[in-house]
Amino acid sequence: MKNNTLTDCQIEIKRLRESTGLNRKEFCEYLNIPYRTVTEWERGTRTAPDYLIRFMAYYIQMEKIRKEE
């Protein structure tokens, strides 16, 4: 039986992607990350390093601030 509990990585990657309003393909192009990598992070077959998740969150936030200026 498969464990249906989402990992912190899955939750955070999806939250970051949804915060941008982009679909997965657009999100990958925006951050220049391979589509397969993000897909595996969201499916839970791979885990993104914590520092990378923090960097993506920082980058997305800085881009939002930059667009507001």
Protein backbone atom coordinates (compact mmCIF):
# COMPACT_ATOMS: atom_id res chain seq x y z
CA MET A 1 0.00 0.00 0.00
CA LYS A 2 1.39 3.41 -0.98
CA ASN A 3 1.86 6.08 1.66
CA ASN A 4 -0.31 9.07 0.69
CA THR A 5 1.42 11.50 3.05
CA LEU A 6 3.00 14.37 1.15
CA THR A 7 6.56 15.31 1.96
CA ASP A 8 7.59 18.83 2.96
CA CYS A 9 9.36 19.11 -0.39
CA GLN A 10 6.23 18.19 -2.35
CA ILE A 11 4.12 20.67 -0.42
CA GLU A 12 6.61 23.52 -0.69
CA ILE A 13 7.42 23.08 -4.40
CA LYS A 14 3.73 23.02 -5.28
CA ARG A 15 3.05 26.03 -3.03
CA LEU A 16 5.86 27.99 -4.67
CA ARG A 17 4.68 27.08 -8.16
CA GLU A 18 1.09 28.01 -7.38
CA SER A 19 2.21 31.32 -5.85
CA THR A 20 3.60 32.31 -9.24
CA GLY A 21 0.36 31.50 -11.07
CA LEU A 22 2.36 29.44 -13.57
CA ASN A 23 1.72 25.90 -14.70
CA ARG A 24 4.50 23.36 -14.23
CA LYS A 25 6.03 23.89 -17.68
CA GLU A 26 6.05 27.68 -17.30
CA PHE A 27 7.46 27.39 -13.77
CA CYS A 28 10.30 25.22 -15.04
CA GLU A 29 11.12 27.70 -17.80
CA TYR A 30 10.88 30.63 -15.34
CA LEU A 31 13.44 29.05 -13.00
CA ASN A 32 15.39 27.20 -15.70
CA ILE A 33 14.89 23.83 -13.99
CA PRO A 34 14.21 20.68 -16.05
CA TYR A 35 10.53 19.75 -16.23
CA ARG A 36 11.25 16.17 -15.19
CA THR A 37 13.05 17.35 -12.05
CA VAL A 38 10.15 19.51 -10.84
CA THR A 39 7.69 16.74 -11.72
CA GLU A 40 9.67 14.26 -9.62
CA TRP A 41 9.82 16.73 -6.73
CA GLU A 42 6.05 17.21 -6.85
CA ARG A 43 5.41 13.46 -7.13
CA GLY A 44 7.74 12.72 -4.24
CA THR A 45 10.09 10.44 -6.17
CA ARG A 46 12.95 12.91 -5.59
CA THR A 47 13.55 15.55 -2.94
CA ALA A 48 14.90 19.02 -3.60
CA PRO A 49 17.62 20.18 -1.21
CA ASP A 50 16.36 22.61 1.46
CA TYR A 51 18.77 25.32 0.32
CA LEU A 52 17.33 25.15 -3.21
CA ILE A 53 13.75 25.49 -1.98
CA ARG A 54 14.80 28.53 0.09
CA PHE A 55 16.59 30.01 -2.92
CA MET A 56 13.55 29.53 -5.17
CA ALA A 57 11.29 31.18 -2.57
CA TYR A 58 13.72 34.10 -2.28
CA TYR A 59 14.00 34.48 -6.06
CA ILE A 60 10.23 34.42 -6.56
CA GLN A 61 9.74 37.01 -3.81
CA MET A 62 12.43 39.30 -5.22
CA GLU A 63 10.92 39.06 -8.71
CA LYS A 64 7.51 40.06 -7.31
CA ILE A 65 9.03 43.07 -5.53
CA ARG A 66 10.95 44.05 -8.66
CA LYS A 67 7.78 43.94 -10.77
CA GLU A 68 5.94 46.13 -8.25
CA GLU A 69 8.58 48.87 -8.46
